[in-house]
Amino acid sequence: MAKSNNNNRNMSVEEAGKKGGEKVSEKYNQEHFEEIGQKGGEKTSEKYNQKHFEDIGQKGGETTSQKKDKEFYQEIGKKGGETTSEKHGEEFYEDIGQKGGNRSRGGRSNR
């Protein structure tokens, strides 16, 4: 265990990690973390193919569905719908409704 400056008591790994994380957070701004996150994402996408991401997405979805209930999915669906409606106007919904109707009719358009 790491020694703490607080009465020379031993610090847990969790406490040491938290303390280190707070120091790093104080040292760097939001932009720094966005930049390193972007770089990490780019490197990861170069390293792995699309099938890899499909596989881990599938596994994650299966794990989530085993752990979460119907109310969880209703709540995130509602939040997603609210966020979408805040970002898009009436025209957006008319357009996607038109596209859905056209697809249902087999691609025929009455426009």
N, C-alpha and C. Protein backbone atom coordinates (compact mmCIF):
# COMPACT_ATOMS: atom_id res chain seq x y z
N MET A 1 0.83 -1.19 0.00
CA MET A 1 0.00 0.00 0.00
C MET A 1 0.87 1.25 0.00
N ALA A 2 0.39 2.27 -0.63
CA ALA A 2 1.11 3.54 -0.70
C ALA A 2 0.96 4.29 0.61
N LYS A 3 2.00 5.01 0.99
CA LYS A 3 1.95 5.83 2.20
C LYS A 3 1.21 7.12 1.91
N SER A 4 0.39 7.54 2.83
CA SER A 4 -0.37 8.78 2.71
C SER A 4 0.30 9.85 3.55
N ASN A 5 0.17 11.08 3.14
CA ASN A 5 0.68 12.19 3.94
C ASN A 5 -0.21 12.48 5.13
N ASN A 6 -1.32 11.80 5.22
CA ASN A 6 -2.30 12.01 6.27
C ASN A 6 -1.99 11.06 7.44
N ASN A 7 -1.15 11.50 8.39
CA ASN A 7 -0.77 10.72 9.57
C ASN A 7 -0.06 9.41 9.21
N ASN A 8 0.63 9.36 8.08
CA ASN A 8 1.39 8.20 7.64
C ASN A 8 0.58 6.90 7.61
N ARG A 9 -0.72 7.00 7.42
CA ARG A 9 -1.53 5.79 7.31
C ARG A 9 -1.42 5.24 5.89
N ASN A 10 -1.66 3.96 5.75
CA ASN A 10 -1.61 3.34 4.43
C ASN A 10 -2.87 3.70 3.65
N MET A 11 -2.68 3.93 2.37
CA MET A 11 -3.77 4.32 1.49
C MET A 11 -4.09 3.13 0.59
N SER A 12 -5.37 2.89 0.36
CA SER A 12 -5.75 1.81 -0.54
C SER A 12 -5.43 2.20 -1.98
N VAL A 13 -5.39 1.20 -2.83
CA VAL A 13 -5.16 1.45 -4.25
C VAL A 13 -6.26 2.36 -4.79
N GLU A 14 -7.49 2.13 -4.34
CA GLU A 14 -8.62 2.95 -4.78
C GLU A 14 -8.43 4.41 -4.38
N GLU A 15 -8.00 4.64 -3.13
CA GLU A 15 -7.76 6.02 -2.67
C GLU A 15 -6.64 6.68 -3.45
N ALA A 16 -5.57 5.92 -3.70
CA ALA A 16 -4.44 6.46 -4.45
C ALA A 16 -4.85 6.80 -5.87
N GLY A 17 -5.63 5.93 -6.49
CA GLY A 17 -6.11 6.18 -7.85
C GLY A 17 -6.99 7.40 -7.91
N LYS A 18 -7.87 7.55 -6.94
CA LYS A 18 -8.77 8.71 -6.89
C LYS A 18 -7.97 9.99 -6.74
N LYS A 19 -7.00 9.96 -5.84
CA LYS A 19 -6.16 11.14 -5.60
C LYS A 19 -5.38 11.52 -6.86
N GLY A 20 -4.81 10.50 -7.53
CA GLY A 20 -4.07 10.75 -8.77
C GLY A 20 -4.98 11.30 -9.86
N GLY A 21 -6.16 10.74 -9.97
CA GLY A 21 -7.12 11.21 -10.96
C GLY A 21 -7.53 12.65 -10.73
N GLU A 22 -7.70 13.03 -9.47
CA GLU A 22 -8.06 14.42 -9.15
C GLU A 22 -6.93 15.38 -9.53
N LYS A 23 -5.68 14.96 -9.29
CA LYS A 23 -4.53 15.80 -9.66
C LYS A 23 -4.47 16.01 -11.17
N VAL A 24 -4.65 14.94 -11.92
CA VAL A 24 -4.61 15.04 -13.38
C VAL A 24 -5.76 15.92 -13.87
N SER A 25 -6.92 15.76 -13.27
CA SER A 25 -8.09 16.55 -13.66
C SER A 25 -7.86 18.05 -13.40
N GLU A 26 -7.16 18.35 -12.33
CA GLU A 26 -6.85 19.75 -12.02
C GLU A 26 -5.82 20.33 -13.01
N LYS A 27 -4.93 19.48 -13.49
CA LYS A 27 -3.83 19.92 -14.33
C LYS A 27 -4.26 20.21 -15.77
N TYR A 28 -5.23 19.42 -16.30
CA TYR A 28 -5.61 19.52 -17.71
C TYR A 28 -7.06 19.98 -17.84
N ASN A 29 -7.36 20.62 -18.99
CA ASN A 29 -8.72 21.11 -19.23
C ASN A 29 -9.51 20.10 -20.07
N GLN A 30 -10.78 20.40 -20.26
CA GLN A 30 -11.70 19.54 -21.00
C GLN A 30 -11.18 19.26 -22.41
N GLU A 31 -10.66 20.29 -23.06
CA GLU A 31 -10.16 20.15 -24.44
C GLU A 31 -9.06 19.09 -24.52
N HIS A 32 -8.18 19.06 -23.53
CA HIS A 32 -7.10 18.08 -23.50
C HIS A 32 -7.66 16.66 -23.51
N PHE A 33 -8.66 16.41 -22.65
CA PHE A 33 -9.23 15.08 -22.55
C PHE A 33 -10.00 14.71 -23.83
N GLU A 34 -10.64 15.69 -24.46
CA GLU A 34 -11.32 15.43 -25.72
C GLU A 34 -10.31 15.04 -26.81
N GLU A 35 -9.19 15.74 -26.84
CA GLU A 35 -8.16 15.45 -27.84
C GLU A 35 -7.56 14.06 -27.66
N ILE A 36 -7.23 13.69 -26.44
CA ILE A 36 -6.63 12.37 -26.23
C ILE A 36 -7.68 11.27 -26.45
N GLY A 37 -8.93 11.55 -26.14
CA GLY A 37 -9.99 10.59 -26.42
C GLY A 37 -10.17 10.38 -27.92
N GLN A 38 -10.11 11.47 -28.67
CA GLN A 38 -10.21 11.40 -30.13
C GLN A 38 -9.07 10.57 -30.70
N LYS A 39 -7.85 10.85 -30.24
CA LYS A 39 -6.67 10.10 -30.72
C LYS A 39 -6.80 8.62 -30.38
N GLY A 40 -7.23 8.33 -29.17
CA GLY A 40 -7.40 6.93 -28.76
C GLY A 40 -8.44 6.22 -29.60
N GLY A 41 -9.53 6.90 -29.88
CA GLY A 41 -10.57 6.31 -30.72
C GLY A 41 -10.08 6.04 -32.13
N GLU A 42 -9.30 6.96 -32.67
CA GLU A 42 -8.76 6.77 -34.02
C GLU A 42 -7.80 5.59 -34.06
N LYS A 43 -6.92 5.49 -33.08
CA LYS A 43 -5.97 4.37 -33.03
C LYS A 43 -6.70 3.04 -32.90
N THR A 44 -7.73 3.02 -32.05
CA THR A 44 -8.49 1.80 -31.86
C THR A 44 -9.20 1.39 -33.14
N SER A 45 -9.77 2.36 -33.86
CA SER A 45 -10.47 2.02 -35.10
C SER A 45 -9.50 1.58 -36.19
N GLU A 46 -8.25 2.03 -36.13
CA GLU A 46 -7.24 1.56 -37.08
C GLU A 46 -6.81 0.13 -36.77
N LYS A 47 -6.81 -0.21 -35.49
CA LYS A 47 -6.32 -1.50 -35.03
C LYS A 47 -7.32 -2.63 -35.27
N TYR A 48 -8.61 -2.35 -35.15
CA TYR A 48 -9.64 -3.38 -35.24
C TYR A 48 -10.56 -3.15 -36.43
N ASN A 49 -11.12 -4.24 -36.96
CA ASN A 49 -12.02 -4.13 -38.09
C ASN A 49 -13.48 -3.97 -37.62
N GLN A 50 -14.37 -3.77 -38.58
CA GLN A 50 -15.77 -3.53 -38.25
C GLN A 50 -16.39 -4.73 -37.53
N LYS A 51 -16.01 -5.93 -37.92
CA LYS A 51 -16.56 -7.13 -37.28
C LYS A 51 -16.25 -7.16 -35.79
N HIS A 52 -15.06 -6.72 -35.41
CA HIS A 52 -14.69 -6.67 -34.00
C HIS A 52 -15.68 -5.80 -33.22
N PHE A 53 -15.97 -4.61 -33.76
CA PHE A 53 -16.88 -3.69 -33.07
C PHE A 53 -18.31 -4.23 -33.07
N GLU A 54 -18.71 -4.91 -34.14
CA GLU A 54 -20.03 -5.54 -34.16
C GLU A 54 -20.12 -6.61 -33.09
N ASP A 55 -19.07 -7.42 -32.96
CA ASP A 55 -19.05 -8.50 -31.97
C ASP A 55 -19.13 -7.97 -30.55
N ILE A 56 -18.32 -6.95 -30.24
CA ILE A 56 -18.34 -6.45 -28.86
C ILE A 56 -19.64 -5.69 -28.58
N GLY A 57 -20.20 -5.06 -29.60
CA GLY A 57 -21.50 -4.41 -29.44
C GLY A 57 -22.59 -5.42 -29.16
N GLN A 58 -22.55 -6.53 -29.88
CA GLN A 58 -23.52 -7.61 -29.68
C GLN A 58 -23.41 -8.16 -28.26
N LYS A 59 -22.18 -8.43 -27.81
CA LYS A 59 -21.96 -8.96 -26.46
C LYS A 59 -22.45 -7.97 -25.40
N GLY A 60 -22.14 -6.70 -25.61
CA GLY A 60 -22.58 -5.69 -24.66
C GLY A 60 -24.09 -5.57 -24.60
N GLY A 61 -24.72 -5.65 -25.75
CA GLY A 61 -26.18 -5.59 -25.80
C GLY A 61 -26.81 -6.77 -25.09
N GLU A 62 -26.25 -7.95 -25.30
CA GLU A 62 -26.78 -9.15 -24.64
C GLU A 62 -26.61 -9.06 -23.13
N THR A 63 -25.45 -8.60 -22.68
CA THR A 63 -25.21 -8.46 -21.24
C THR A 63 -26.17 -7.44 -20.63
N THR A 64 -26.34 -6.32 -21.31
CA THR A 64 -27.25 -5.28 -20.81
C THR A 64 -28.67 -5.81 -20.74
N SER A 65 -29.10 -6.53 -21.77
CA SER A 65 -30.48 -7.03 -21.77
C SER A 65 -30.73 -8.05 -20.67
N GLN A 66 -29.68 -8.75 -20.25
CA GLN A 66 -29.82 -9.70 -19.15
C GLN A 66 -29.91 -8.99 -17.80
N LYS A 67 -29.28 -7.82 -17.71
CA LYS A 67 -29.21 -7.10 -16.43
C LYS A 67 -30.32 -6.08 -16.25
N LYS A 68 -30.89 -5.59 -17.34
CA LYS A 68 -31.87 -4.50 -17.26
C LYS A 68 -33.27 -5.00 -17.56
N ASP A 69 -34.25 -4.29 -17.01
CA ASP A 69 -35.64 -4.69 -17.21
C ASP A 69 -36.35 -3.76 -18.20
N LYS A 70 -37.62 -4.04 -18.42
CA LYS A 70 -38.42 -3.29 -19.39
C LYS A 70 -38.44 -1.79 -19.06
N GLU A 71 -38.53 -1.45 -17.79
CA GLU A 71 -38.59 -0.04 -17.38
C GLU A 71 -37.33 0.72 -17.79
N PHE A 72 -36.18 0.06 -17.72
CA PHE A 72 -34.92 0.68 -18.13
C PHE A 72 -34.99 1.09 -19.59
N TYR A 73 -35.45 0.18 -20.45
CA TYR A 73 -35.52 0.48 -21.88
C TYR A 73 -36.58 1.53 -22.18
N GLN A 74 -37.67 1.53 -21.42
CA GLN A 74 -38.68 2.57 -21.60
C GLN A 74 -38.11 3.94 -21.24
N GLU A 75 -37.34 3.98 -20.16
CA GLU A 75 -36.76 5.25 -19.72
C GLU A 75 -35.74 5.79 -20.72
N ILE A 76 -34.83 4.92 -21.20
CA ILE A 76 -33.84 5.44 -22.14
C ILE A 76 -34.48 5.77 -23.49
N GLY A 77 -35.53 5.05 -23.86
CA GLY A 77 -36.26 5.38 -25.09
C GLY A 77 -36.93 6.74 -24.98
N LYS A 78 -37.52 7.01 -23.83
CA LYS A 78 -38.17 8.30 -23.61
C LYS A 78 -37.13 9.43 -23.65
N LYS A 79 -36.00 9.22 -22.98
CA LYS A 79 -34.94 10.24 -22.99
C LYS A 79 -34.42 10.49 -24.40
N GLY A 80 -34.24 9.42 -25.16
CA GLY A 80 -33.78 9.56 -26.53
C GLY A 80 -34.78 10.30 -27.39
N GLY A 81 -36.04 9.98 -27.22
CA GLY A 81 -37.09 10.68 -27.97
C GLY A 81 -37.16 12.15 -27.62
N GLU A 82 -37.03 12.47 -26.34
CA GLU A 82 -37.05 13.88 -25.91
C GLU A 82 -35.86 14.63 -26.48
N THR A 83 -34.69 14.03 -26.44
CA THR A 83 -33.48 14.66 -26.98
C THR A 83 -33.63 14.90 -28.48
N THR A 84 -34.13 13.89 -29.18
CA THR A 84 -34.33 14.04 -30.63
C THR A 84 -35.32 15.15 -30.93
N SER A 85 -36.42 15.21 -30.19
CA SER A 85 -37.43 16.23 -30.46
C SER A 85 -36.92 17.64 -30.15
N GLU A 86 -35.98 17.75 -29.22
CA GLU A 86 -35.38 19.05 -28.92
C GLU A 86 -34.46 19.50 -30.05
N LYS A 87 -33.83 18.55 -30.72
CA LYS A 87 -32.86 18.87 -31.77
C LYS A 87 -33.49 19.08 -33.13
N HIS A 88 -34.67 18.50 -33.38
CA HIS A 88 -35.27 18.53 -34.71
C HIS A 88 -36.65 19.17 -34.66
N GLY A 89 -36.99 19.83 -35.74
CA GLY A 89 -38.29 20.48 -35.85
C GLY A 89 -39.30 19.60 -36.55
N GLU A 90 -40.46 20.19 -36.78
CA GLU A 90 -41.58 19.50 -37.40
C GLU A 90 -41.21 18.94 -38.78
N GLU A 91 -40.43 19.69 -39.53
CA GLU A 91 -40.04 19.26 -40.88
C GLU A 91 -39.28 17.94 -40.86
N PHE A 92 -38.43 17.76 -39.87
CA PHE A 92 -37.67 16.52 -39.73
C PHE A 92 -38.61 15.33 -39.61
N TYR A 93 -39.63 15.46 -38.75
CA TYR A 93 -40.57 14.36 -38.54
C TYR A 93 -41.44 14.11 -39.77
N GLU A 94 -41.80 15.19 -40.47
CA GLU A 94 -42.55 15.02 -41.72
C GLU A 94 -41.72 14.24 -42.73
N ASP A 95 -40.44 14.57 -42.81
CA ASP A 95 -39.55 13.92 -43.77
C ASP A 95 -39.37 12.44 -43.45
N ILE A 96 -39.10 12.11 -42.19
CA ILE A 96 -38.90 10.69 -41.87
C ILE A 96 -40.22 9.93 -41.95
N GLY A 97 -41.33 10.58 -41.67
CA GLY A 97 -42.64 9.95 -41.85
C GLY A 97 -42.90 9.63 -43.31
N GLN A 98 -42.56 10.58 -44.17
CA GLN A 98 -42.71 10.38 -45.61
C GLN A 98 -41.84 9.21 -46.08
N LYS A 99 -40.59 9.17 -45.62
CA LYS A 99 -39.69 8.09 -46.01
C LYS A 99 -40.23 6.74 -45.53
N GLY A 100 -40.72 6.69 -44.30
CA GLY A 100 -41.27 5.45 -43.77
C GLY A 100 -42.50 5.01 -44.55
N GLY A 101 -43.35 5.96 -44.89
CA GLY A 101 -44.54 5.64 -45.69
C GLY A 101 -44.16 5.11 -47.05
N ASN A 102 -43.16 5.75 -47.67
CA ASN A 102 -42.71 5.28 -48.99
C ASN A 102 -42.15 3.87 -48.92
N ARG A 103 -41.41 3.61 -47.89
CA ARG A 103 -40.84 2.27 -47.73
C ARG A 103 -41.94 1.24 -47.52
N SER A 104 -42.94 1.60 -46.72
CA SER A 104 -44.05 0.69 -46.48
C SER A 104 -44.82 0.37 -47.75
N ARG A 105 -44.90 1.34 -48.68
CA ARG A 105 -45.60 1.15 -49.95
C ARG A 105 -44.69 0.48 -50.97
N GLY A 106 -43.53 0.11 -50.59
CA GLY A 106 -42.62 -0.55 -51.52
C GLY A 106 -41.81 0.44 -52.34
N GLY A 107 -41.56 1.61 -51.77
CA GLY A 107 -40.71 2.58 -52.45
C GLY A 107 -41.44 3.51 -53.38
N ARG A 108 -42.75 3.36 -53.52
CA ARG A 108 -43.51 4.28 -54.38
C ARG A 108 -43.67 5.61 -53.69
N SER A 109 -43.47 6.67 -54.39
CA SER A 109 -43.59 8.01 -53.83
C SER A 109 -44.72 8.76 -54.49
N ASN A 110 -45.44 9.55 -53.70
CA ASN A 110 -46.47 10.39 -54.28
C ASN A 110 -46.07 11.85 -54.26
N ARG A 111 -44.80 12.11 -54.22
CA ARG A 111 -44.29 13.47 -54.25
C ARG A 111 -44.04 13.93 -55.65
